[in-house]
Amino acid sequence: MNKDTVIKHYQHSIEWVQSLTELTDKEWRSAIAEGKWSIAEIIAHFVPWDEFILHDRLKEFWNDRSLPQAPDVHKMNQQSAERARHEARSETIGRFIAVRTKLLQEMKKIEASRWTTPFLIGQTELTLSSYFQGLIKHDLHHMEQIKKVLSTERR
């Protein structure tokens, strides 16, 4: 996965989330399945992770030392889901677009050759390409969940 592919995905994700402003409040706030999050909670949970990548990872990738482990996934996801339950859709979508746009701008500044330079997170060796490939896979998983529930509801 090269830099252009990653950038295209991030640009598309911004446009796609922007399109969710068209949803009804019921679609936005209903759980996508029994025991699952709502679309609001799914979109909100991307924000702290994008912020983490932007502020705690991107500038540290090539310091020749292992990057710190990510924060507690469950805790961070729970906090973002809780916030989504109380804020307006426009605020959740706005926060997503703002941080994802900043992340995209920072990615564009990274020269193409850096995308294949190895770095460590804990004991795991990665490249920017492999790191973002994992993040994109996560994005696409949630995007597919949302598309599926919306196509089912709108029949």
N, C-alpha and C. Protein backbone atom coordinates (compact mmCIF):
# COMPACT_ATOMS: atom_id res chain seq x y z
N MET A 1 0.86 -1.18 0.00
CA MET A 1 0.00 0.00 0.00
C MET A 1 0.90 1.24 0.00
N ASN A 2 0.82 2.04 -1.05
CA ASN A 2 1.70 3.20 -1.15
C ASN A 2 1.03 4.48 -0.62
N LYS A 3 1.81 5.53 -0.57
CA LYS A 3 1.34 6.80 -0.03
C LYS A 3 0.07 7.30 -0.73
N ASP A 4 0.04 7.24 -2.06
CA ASP A 4 -1.13 7.73 -2.81
C ASP A 4 -2.40 6.98 -2.45
N THR A 5 -2.29 5.66 -2.30
CA THR A 5 -3.44 4.84 -1.94
C THR A 5 -3.97 5.23 -0.57
N VAL A 6 -3.06 5.43 0.38
CA VAL A 6 -3.44 5.82 1.73
C VAL A 6 -4.12 7.19 1.71
N ILE A 7 -3.53 8.11 1.00
CA ILE A 7 -4.10 9.47 0.92
C ILE A 7 -5.48 9.45 0.28
N LYS A 8 -5.64 8.68 -0.78
CA LYS A 8 -6.96 8.56 -1.43
C LYS A 8 -8.01 8.01 -0.45
N HIS A 9 -7.62 7.01 0.31
CA HIS A 9 -8.56 6.44 1.29
C HIS A 9 -8.97 7.50 2.31
N TYR A 10 -8.00 8.22 2.85
CA TYR A 10 -8.31 9.22 3.88
C TYR A 10 -9.18 10.35 3.31
N GLN A 11 -8.91 10.75 2.06
CA GLN A 11 -9.77 11.77 1.42
C GLN A 11 -11.19 11.23 1.26
N HIS A 12 -11.30 10.00 0.79
CA HIS A 12 -12.61 9.38 0.61
C HIS A 12 -13.34 9.26 1.95
N SER A 13 -12.64 8.89 3.01
CA SER A 13 -13.29 8.70 4.31
C SER A 13 -13.89 10.01 4.81
N ILE A 14 -13.23 11.12 4.54
CA ILE A 14 -13.76 12.43 4.93
C ILE A 14 -15.07 12.71 4.17
N GLU A 15 -15.04 12.51 2.87
CA GLU A 15 -16.25 12.73 2.05
C GLU A 15 -17.37 11.78 2.48
N TRP A 16 -17.03 10.55 2.77
CA TRP A 16 -18.03 9.56 3.16
C TRP A 16 -18.69 9.93 4.48
N VAL A 17 -17.88 10.30 5.47
CA VAL A 17 -18.45 10.69 6.76
C VAL A 17 -19.30 11.95 6.60
N GLN A 18 -18.84 12.87 5.76
CA GLN A 18 -19.62 14.08 5.48
C GLN A 18 -21.02 13.70 4.97
N SER A 19 -21.10 12.66 4.16
CA SER A 19 -22.38 12.23 3.60
C SER A 19 -23.35 11.72 4.67
N LEU A 20 -22.84 11.37 5.83
CA LEU A 20 -23.69 10.86 6.91
C LEU A 20 -24.54 11.96 7.56
N THR A 21 -24.29 13.21 7.17
CA THR A 21 -25.14 14.30 7.67
C THR A 21 -26.56 14.14 7.14
N GLU A 22 -26.72 13.34 6.07
CA GLU A 22 -28.04 13.11 5.46
C GLU A 22 -28.89 12.11 6.24
N LEU A 23 -28.31 11.39 7.19
CA LEU A 23 -29.06 10.37 7.91
C LEU A 23 -30.15 10.98 8.79
N THR A 24 -31.15 10.16 9.06
CA THR A 24 -32.15 10.59 10.05
C THR A 24 -31.51 10.44 11.43
N ASP A 25 -32.10 11.07 12.42
CA ASP A 25 -31.57 10.95 13.77
C ASP A 25 -31.66 9.51 14.26
N LYS A 26 -32.72 8.83 13.87
CA LYS A 26 -32.89 7.42 14.26
C LYS A 26 -31.76 6.57 13.67
N GLU A 27 -31.45 6.78 12.38
CA GLU A 27 -30.36 6.03 11.75
C GLU A 27 -29.03 6.34 12.45
N TRP A 28 -28.79 7.59 12.77
CA TRP A 28 -27.54 8.04 13.38
C TRP A 28 -27.36 7.46 14.78
N ARG A 29 -28.45 7.35 15.53
CA ARG A 29 -28.37 7.00 16.97
C ARG A 29 -28.71 5.55 17.30
N SER A 30 -29.27 4.78 16.36
CA SER A 30 -29.65 3.39 16.66
C SER A 30 -28.44 2.47 16.56
N ALA A 31 -28.41 1.48 17.45
CA ALA A 31 -27.35 0.47 17.39
C ALA A 31 -27.40 -0.23 16.03
N ILE A 32 -26.24 -0.52 15.46
CA ILE A 32 -26.23 -1.16 14.14
C ILE A 32 -26.64 -2.63 14.22
N ALA A 33 -26.57 -3.20 15.44
CA ALA A 33 -27.02 -4.57 15.70
C ALA A 33 -27.12 -4.72 17.22
N GLU A 34 -27.73 -5.78 17.65
CA GLU A 34 -27.88 -6.06 19.07
C GLU A 34 -26.51 -6.03 19.76
N GLY A 35 -26.38 -5.20 20.79
CA GLY A 35 -25.13 -5.13 21.55
C GLY A 35 -24.00 -4.39 20.85
N LYS A 36 -24.29 -3.74 19.72
CA LYS A 36 -23.27 -3.01 18.96
C LYS A 36 -23.47 -1.51 19.12
N TRP A 37 -22.49 -0.75 18.66
CA TRP A 37 -22.55 0.70 18.71
C TRP A 37 -23.52 1.25 17.67
N SER A 38 -23.84 2.53 17.84
CA SER A 38 -24.59 3.28 16.83
C SER A 38 -23.60 3.84 15.82
N ILE A 39 -24.11 4.36 14.71
CA ILE A 39 -23.24 5.03 13.73
C ILE A 39 -22.54 6.21 14.39
N ALA A 40 -23.25 6.95 15.23
CA ALA A 40 -22.64 8.08 15.95
C ALA A 40 -21.42 7.64 16.75
N GLU A 41 -21.57 6.53 17.47
CA GLU A 41 -20.47 6.03 18.30
C GLU A 41 -19.31 5.52 17.45
N ILE A 42 -19.63 4.88 16.34
CA ILE A 42 -18.57 4.37 15.45
C ILE A 42 -17.74 5.54 14.91
N ILE A 43 -18.42 6.57 14.40
CA ILE A 43 -17.69 7.72 13.83
C ILE A 43 -16.89 8.42 14.92
N ALA A 44 -17.49 8.60 16.09
CA ALA A 44 -16.79 9.29 17.19
C ALA A 44 -15.53 8.54 17.62
N HIS A 45 -15.53 7.22 17.55
CA HIS A 45 -14.37 6.48 18.05
C HIS A 45 -13.14 6.62 17.15
N PHE A 46 -13.33 7.07 15.91
CA PHE A 46 -12.17 7.31 15.04
C PHE A 46 -11.36 8.52 15.52
N VAL A 47 -12.03 9.49 16.13
CA VAL A 47 -11.41 10.78 16.45
C VAL A 47 -10.21 10.65 17.40
N PRO A 48 -10.36 10.02 18.58
CA PRO A 48 -9.19 9.95 19.47
C PRO A 48 -8.04 9.14 18.89
N TRP A 49 -8.36 8.17 18.04
CA TRP A 49 -7.29 7.38 17.42
C TRP A 49 -6.55 8.22 16.38
N ASP A 50 -7.29 8.99 15.58
CA ASP A 50 -6.63 9.89 14.63
C ASP A 50 -5.78 10.91 15.39
N GLU A 51 -6.30 11.44 16.51
CA GLU A 51 -5.53 12.39 17.31
C GLU A 51 -4.27 11.74 17.86
N PHE A 52 -4.38 10.50 18.32
CA PHE A 52 -3.22 9.77 18.83
C PHE A 52 -2.16 9.62 17.74
N ILE A 53 -2.57 9.23 16.55
CA ILE A 53 -1.63 9.06 15.43
C ILE A 53 -0.98 10.41 15.10
N LEU A 54 -1.80 11.44 15.03
CA LEU A 54 -1.34 12.78 14.68
C LEU A 54 -0.34 13.33 15.70
N HIS A 55 -0.68 13.23 16.98
CA HIS A 55 0.12 13.88 18.02
C HIS A 55 1.19 12.99 18.65
N ASP A 56 0.93 11.68 18.73
CA ASP A 56 1.84 10.80 19.45
C ASP A 56 2.62 9.82 18.58
N ARG A 57 2.25 9.72 17.33
CA ARG A 57 2.95 8.75 16.48
C ARG A 57 3.68 9.40 15.30
N LEU A 58 3.00 10.20 14.52
CA LEU A 58 3.58 10.68 13.26
C LEU A 58 4.94 11.33 13.43
N LYS A 59 5.09 12.17 14.42
CA LYS A 59 6.35 12.89 14.59
C LYS A 59 7.44 12.02 15.25
N GLU A 60 7.05 10.86 15.73
CA GLU A 60 7.99 9.99 16.45
C GLU A 60 8.47 8.79 15.63
N PHE A 61 7.93 8.62 14.44
CA PHE A 61 8.20 7.40 13.69
C PHE A 61 9.68 7.12 13.44
N TRP A 62 10.48 8.16 13.26
CA TRP A 62 11.87 7.90 12.87
C TRP A 62 12.87 8.39 13.90
N ASN A 63 12.54 8.27 15.17
CA ASN A 63 13.46 8.68 16.23
C ASN A 63 14.42 7.57 16.64
N ASP A 64 14.44 6.47 15.91
CA ASP A 64 15.32 5.34 16.19
C ASP A 64 15.11 4.75 17.57
N ARG A 65 13.90 4.85 18.06
CA ARG A 65 13.57 4.13 19.29
C ARG A 65 12.15 3.60 19.13
N SER A 66 11.87 2.56 19.90
CA SER A 66 10.56 1.94 19.81
C SER A 66 9.47 2.92 20.23
N LEU A 67 8.40 2.95 19.47
CA LEU A 67 7.28 3.82 19.81
C LEU A 67 6.50 3.24 20.99
N PRO A 68 5.90 4.10 21.78
CA PRO A 68 5.12 3.59 22.91
C PRO A 68 3.89 2.84 22.42
N GLN A 69 3.42 1.92 23.24
CA GLN A 69 2.21 1.19 22.93
C GLN A 69 1.03 2.17 22.90
N ALA A 70 -0.02 1.80 22.23
CA ALA A 70 -1.22 2.63 22.16
C ALA A 70 -1.88 2.69 23.54
N PRO A 71 -2.71 3.71 23.76
CA PRO A 71 -3.45 3.77 25.01
C PRO A 71 -4.41 2.58 25.12
N ASP A 72 -5.05 2.45 26.26
CA ASP A 72 -6.01 1.39 26.50
C ASP A 72 -7.16 1.50 25.49
N VAL A 73 -7.23 0.54 24.59
CA VAL A 73 -8.20 0.56 23.49
C VAL A 73 -9.63 0.63 24.02
N HIS A 74 -9.95 -0.26 24.95
CA HIS A 74 -11.31 -0.33 25.48
C HIS A 74 -11.71 0.99 26.14
N LYS A 75 -10.82 1.53 26.94
CA LYS A 75 -11.11 2.78 27.65
C LYS A 75 -11.31 3.94 26.67
N MET A 76 -10.41 4.06 25.69
CA MET A 76 -10.50 5.15 24.73
C MET A 76 -11.78 5.03 23.90
N ASN A 77 -12.11 3.81 23.49
CA ASN A 77 -13.32 3.59 22.70
C ASN A 77 -14.58 3.89 23.52
N GLN A 78 -14.58 3.47 24.79
CA GLN A 78 -15.73 3.72 25.66
C GLN A 78 -15.96 5.22 25.86
N GLN A 79 -14.87 5.95 26.09
CA GLN A 79 -14.98 7.40 26.30
C GLN A 79 -15.51 8.11 25.06
N SER A 80 -15.03 7.71 23.89
CA SER A 80 -15.49 8.36 22.66
C SER A 80 -16.94 8.00 22.36
N ALA A 81 -17.34 6.76 22.63
CA ALA A 81 -18.73 6.35 22.42
C ALA A 81 -19.65 7.12 23.36
N GLU A 82 -19.23 7.27 24.60
CA GLU A 82 -20.01 8.02 25.59
C GLU A 82 -20.20 9.47 25.14
N ARG A 83 -19.13 10.07 24.66
CA ARG A 83 -19.22 11.45 24.19
C ARG A 83 -20.22 11.58 23.04
N ALA A 84 -20.19 10.61 22.12
CA ALA A 84 -21.07 10.64 20.95
C ALA A 84 -22.55 10.60 21.34
N ARG A 85 -22.84 9.97 22.46
CA ARG A 85 -24.23 9.87 22.91
C ARG A 85 -24.80 11.22 23.33
N HIS A 86 -23.90 12.16 23.65
CA HIS A 86 -24.34 13.44 24.21
C HIS A 86 -24.11 14.64 23.29
N GLU A 87 -23.39 14.43 22.20
CA GLU A 87 -23.12 15.59 21.34
C GLU A 87 -23.93 15.54 20.05
N ALA A 88 -24.09 16.70 19.46
CA ALA A 88 -24.83 16.81 18.20
C ALA A 88 -24.08 16.08 17.09
N ARG A 89 -24.83 15.55 16.15
CA ARG A 89 -24.24 14.87 15.00
C ARG A 89 -23.24 15.78 14.29
N SER A 90 -23.62 17.04 14.10
CA SER A 90 -22.74 17.98 13.39
C SER A 90 -21.40 18.14 14.13
N GLU A 91 -21.43 18.06 15.44
CA GLU A 91 -20.19 18.18 16.22
C GLU A 91 -19.32 16.93 16.06
N THR A 92 -19.94 15.76 16.14
CA THR A 92 -19.18 14.50 15.95
C THR A 92 -18.56 14.47 14.56
N ILE A 93 -19.36 14.75 13.55
CA ILE A 93 -18.86 14.74 12.17
C ILE A 93 -17.81 15.83 11.98
N GLY A 94 -18.04 16.99 12.55
CA GLY A 94 -17.08 18.09 12.46
C GLY A 94 -15.73 17.74 13.09
N ARG A 95 -15.79 17.09 14.25
CA ARG A 95 -14.53 16.69 14.92
C ARG A 95 -13.79 15.65 14.08
N PHE A 96 -14.54 14.70 13.52
CA PHE A 96 -13.93 13.68 12.66
C PHE A 96 -13.23 14.35 11.48
N ILE A 97 -13.96 15.21 10.78
CA ILE A 97 -13.42 15.86 9.58
C ILE A 97 -12.21 16.72 9.92
N ALA A 98 -12.27 17.45 11.03
CA ALA A 98 -11.16 18.32 11.41
C ALA A 98 -9.88 17.53 11.67
N VAL A 99 -9.97 16.49 12.48
CA VAL A 99 -8.75 15.75 12.82
C VAL A 99 -8.27 14.91 11.64
N ARG A 100 -9.19 14.33 10.88
CA ARG A 100 -8.78 13.52 9.73
C ARG A 100 -8.13 14.40 8.67
N THR A 101 -8.61 15.63 8.50
CA THR A 101 -8.02 16.57 7.54
C THR A 101 -6.60 16.95 7.97
N LYS A 102 -6.41 17.20 9.27
CA LYS A 102 -5.06 17.51 9.78
C LYS A 102 -4.12 16.34 9.56
N LEU A 103 -4.61 15.14 9.85
CA LEU A 103 -3.80 13.93 9.66
C LEU A 103 -3.42 13.77 8.19
N LEU A 104 -4.37 14.00 7.32
CA LEU A 104 -4.14 13.92 5.88
C LEU A 104 -3.08 14.93 5.44
N GLN A 105 -3.18 16.15 5.93
CA GLN A 105 -2.18 17.19 5.60
C GLN A 105 -0.79 16.78 6.04
N GLU A 106 -0.68 16.19 7.24
CA GLU A 106 0.63 15.75 7.73
C GLU A 106 1.16 14.58 6.91
N MET A 107 0.29 13.66 6.52
CA MET A 107 0.71 12.52 5.69
C MET A 107 1.28 12.99 4.36
N LYS A 108 0.62 13.98 3.78
CA LYS A 108 1.06 14.49 2.47
C LYS A 108 2.47 15.05 2.53
N LYS A 109 2.91 15.52 3.70
CA LYS A 109 4.25 16.11 3.86
C LYS A 109 5.35 15.04 3.93
N ILE A 110 4.96 13.82 4.20
CA ILE A 110 5.96 12.75 4.35
C ILE A 110 6.42 12.29 2.97
N GLU A 111 7.72 12.35 2.74
CA GLU A 111 8.21 11.95 1.42
C GLU A 111 7.96 10.46 1.17
N ALA A 112 7.70 10.15 -0.08
CA ALA A 112 7.30 8.79 -0.48
C ALA A 112 8.28 7.72 0.00
N SER A 113 9.57 8.01 -0.03
CA SER A 113 10.58 7.02 0.37
C SER A 113 10.43 6.61 1.84
N ARG A 114 9.91 7.49 2.68
CA ARG A 114 9.73 7.20 4.11
C ARG A 114 8.67 6.13 4.36
N TRP A 115 7.78 5.90 3.39
CA TRP A 115 6.67 4.98 3.58
C TRP A 115 7.13 3.53 3.68
N THR A 116 8.38 3.27 3.30
CA THR A 116 8.89 1.90 3.39
C THR A 116 10.03 1.78 4.41
N THR A 117 10.29 2.84 5.17
CA THR A 117 11.33 2.82 6.19
C THR A 117 10.79 2.13 7.45
N PRO A 118 11.49 1.08 7.93
CA PRO A 118 10.98 0.37 9.10
C PRO A 118 11.10 1.17 10.41
N PHE A 119 10.19 0.90 11.33
CA PHE A 119 10.24 1.46 12.68
C PHE A 119 9.62 0.42 13.61
N LEU A 120 9.78 0.61 14.91
CA LEU A 120 9.27 -0.35 15.89
C LEU A 120 8.15 0.24 16.74
N ILE A 121 7.15 -0.56 16.98
CA ILE A 121 6.15 -0.29 18.01
C ILE A 121 6.25 -1.51 18.92
N GLY A 122 6.75 -1.28 20.13
CA GLY A 122 7.07 -2.41 21.00
C GLY A 122 8.13 -3.25 20.30
N GLN A 123 7.85 -4.53 20.11
CA GLN A 123 8.78 -5.42 19.41
C GLN A 123 8.40 -5.63 17.94
N THR A 124 7.35 -4.96 17.51
CA THR A 124 6.83 -5.18 16.15
C THR A 124 7.43 -4.18 15.17
N GLU A 125 8.05 -4.71 14.09
CA GLU A 125 8.59 -3.85 13.05
C GLU A 125 7.52 -3.59 12.01
N LEU A 126 7.34 -2.32 11.69
CA LEU A 126 6.34 -1.89 10.71
C LEU A 126 6.96 -0.87 9.77
N THR A 127 6.22 -0.55 8.72
CA THR A 127 6.53 0.60 7.87
C THR A 127 5.27 1.46 7.89
N LEU A 128 5.36 2.69 7.44
CA LEU A 128 4.16 3.53 7.36
C LEU A 128 3.11 2.84 6.49
N SER A 129 3.56 2.23 5.40
CA SER A 129 2.63 1.52 4.52
C SER A 129 1.87 0.43 5.26
N SER A 130 2.58 -0.41 6.01
CA SER A 130 1.90 -1.51 6.72
C SER A 130 1.07 -0.98 7.88
N TYR A 131 1.55 0.07 8.54
CA TYR A 131 0.82 0.67 9.65
C TYR A 131 -0.53 1.22 9.17
N PHE A 132 -0.49 2.01 8.10
CA PHE A 132 -1.73 2.60 7.59
C PHE A 132 -2.62 1.56 6.92
N GLN A 133 -2.03 0.50 6.38
CA GLN A 133 -2.84 -0.57 5.81
C GLN A 133 -3.74 -1.16 6.89
N GLY A 134 -3.20 -1.36 8.09
CA GLY A 134 -4.00 -1.86 9.21
C GLY A 134 -5.10 -0.90 9.60
N LEU A 135 -4.79 0.39 9.63
CA LEU A 135 -5.79 1.40 9.98
C LEU A 135 -6.90 1.49 8.93
N ILE A 136 -6.52 1.40 7.68
CA ILE A 136 -7.50 1.45 6.59
C ILE A 136 -8.42 0.23 6.65
N LYS A 137 -7.85 -0.92 6.96
CA LYS A 137 -8.65 -2.14 7.09
C LYS A 137 -9.70 -1.93 8.19
N HIS A 138 -9.30 -1.32 9.28
CA HIS A 138 -10.21 -1.01 10.39
C HIS A 138 -11.31 -0.04 9.94
N ASP A 139 -10.92 1.03 9.24
CA ASP A 139 -11.90 1.98 8.70
C ASP A 139 -12.92 1.26 7.82
N LEU A 140 -12.42 0.46 6.89
CA LEU A 140 -13.28 -0.21 5.91
C LEU A 140 -14.24 -1.19 6.59
N HIS A 141 -13.77 -1.84 7.63
CA HIS A 141 -14.63 -2.75 8.40
C HIS A 141 -15.85 -1.99 8.92
N HIS A 142 -15.60 -0.84 9.55
CA HIS A 142 -16.71 -0.05 10.10
C HIS A 142 -17.57 0.59 9.00
N MET A 143 -16.95 1.02 7.93
CA MET A 143 -17.70 1.61 6.83
C MET A 143 -18.66 0.57 6.23
N GLU A 144 -18.18 -0.66 6.08
CA GLU A 144 -19.02 -1.73 5.55
C GLU A 144 -20.18 -2.03 6.50
N GLN A 145 -19.92 -2.05 7.80
CA GLN A 145 -20.99 -2.27 8.78
C GLN A 145 -22.08 -1.22 8.61
N ILE A 146 -21.66 0.03 8.49
CA ILE A 146 -22.61 1.14 8.37
C ILE A 146 -23.38 1.05 7.05
N LYS A 147 -22.67 0.80 5.95
CA LYS A 147 -23.35 0.67 4.65
C LYS A 147 -24.37 -0.46 4.68
N LYS A 148 -23.99 -1.56 5.31
CA LYS A 148 -24.88 -2.72 5.37
C LYS A 148 -26.15 -2.39 6.17
N VAL A 149 -26.00 -1.78 7.33
CA VAL A 149 -27.18 -1.47 8.15
C VAL A 149 -28.06 -0.43 7.44
N LEU A 150 -27.46 0.52 6.77
CA LEU A 150 -28.26 1.54 6.07
C LEU A 150 -28.98 0.95 4.86
N SER A 151 -28.34 0.05 4.14
CA SER A 151 -29.01 -0.55 2.98
C SER A 151 -30.16 -1.45 3.43
N THR A 152 -30.02 -2.08 4.59
CA THR A 152 -31.08 -2.94 5.15
C THR A 152 -32.26 -2.09 5.62
N GLU A 153 -31.95 -1.00 6.33
CA GLU A 153 -33.00 -0.13 6.87
C GLU A 153 -33.77 0.60 5.78
N ARG A 154 -33.15 0.85 4.67
CA ARG A 154 -33.77 1.69 3.63
C ARG A 154 -34.49 0.88 2.56
N ARG A 155 -34.64 -0.40 2.78
CA ARG A 155 -35.35 -1.23 1.80
C ARG A 155 -36.83 -0.99 1.87
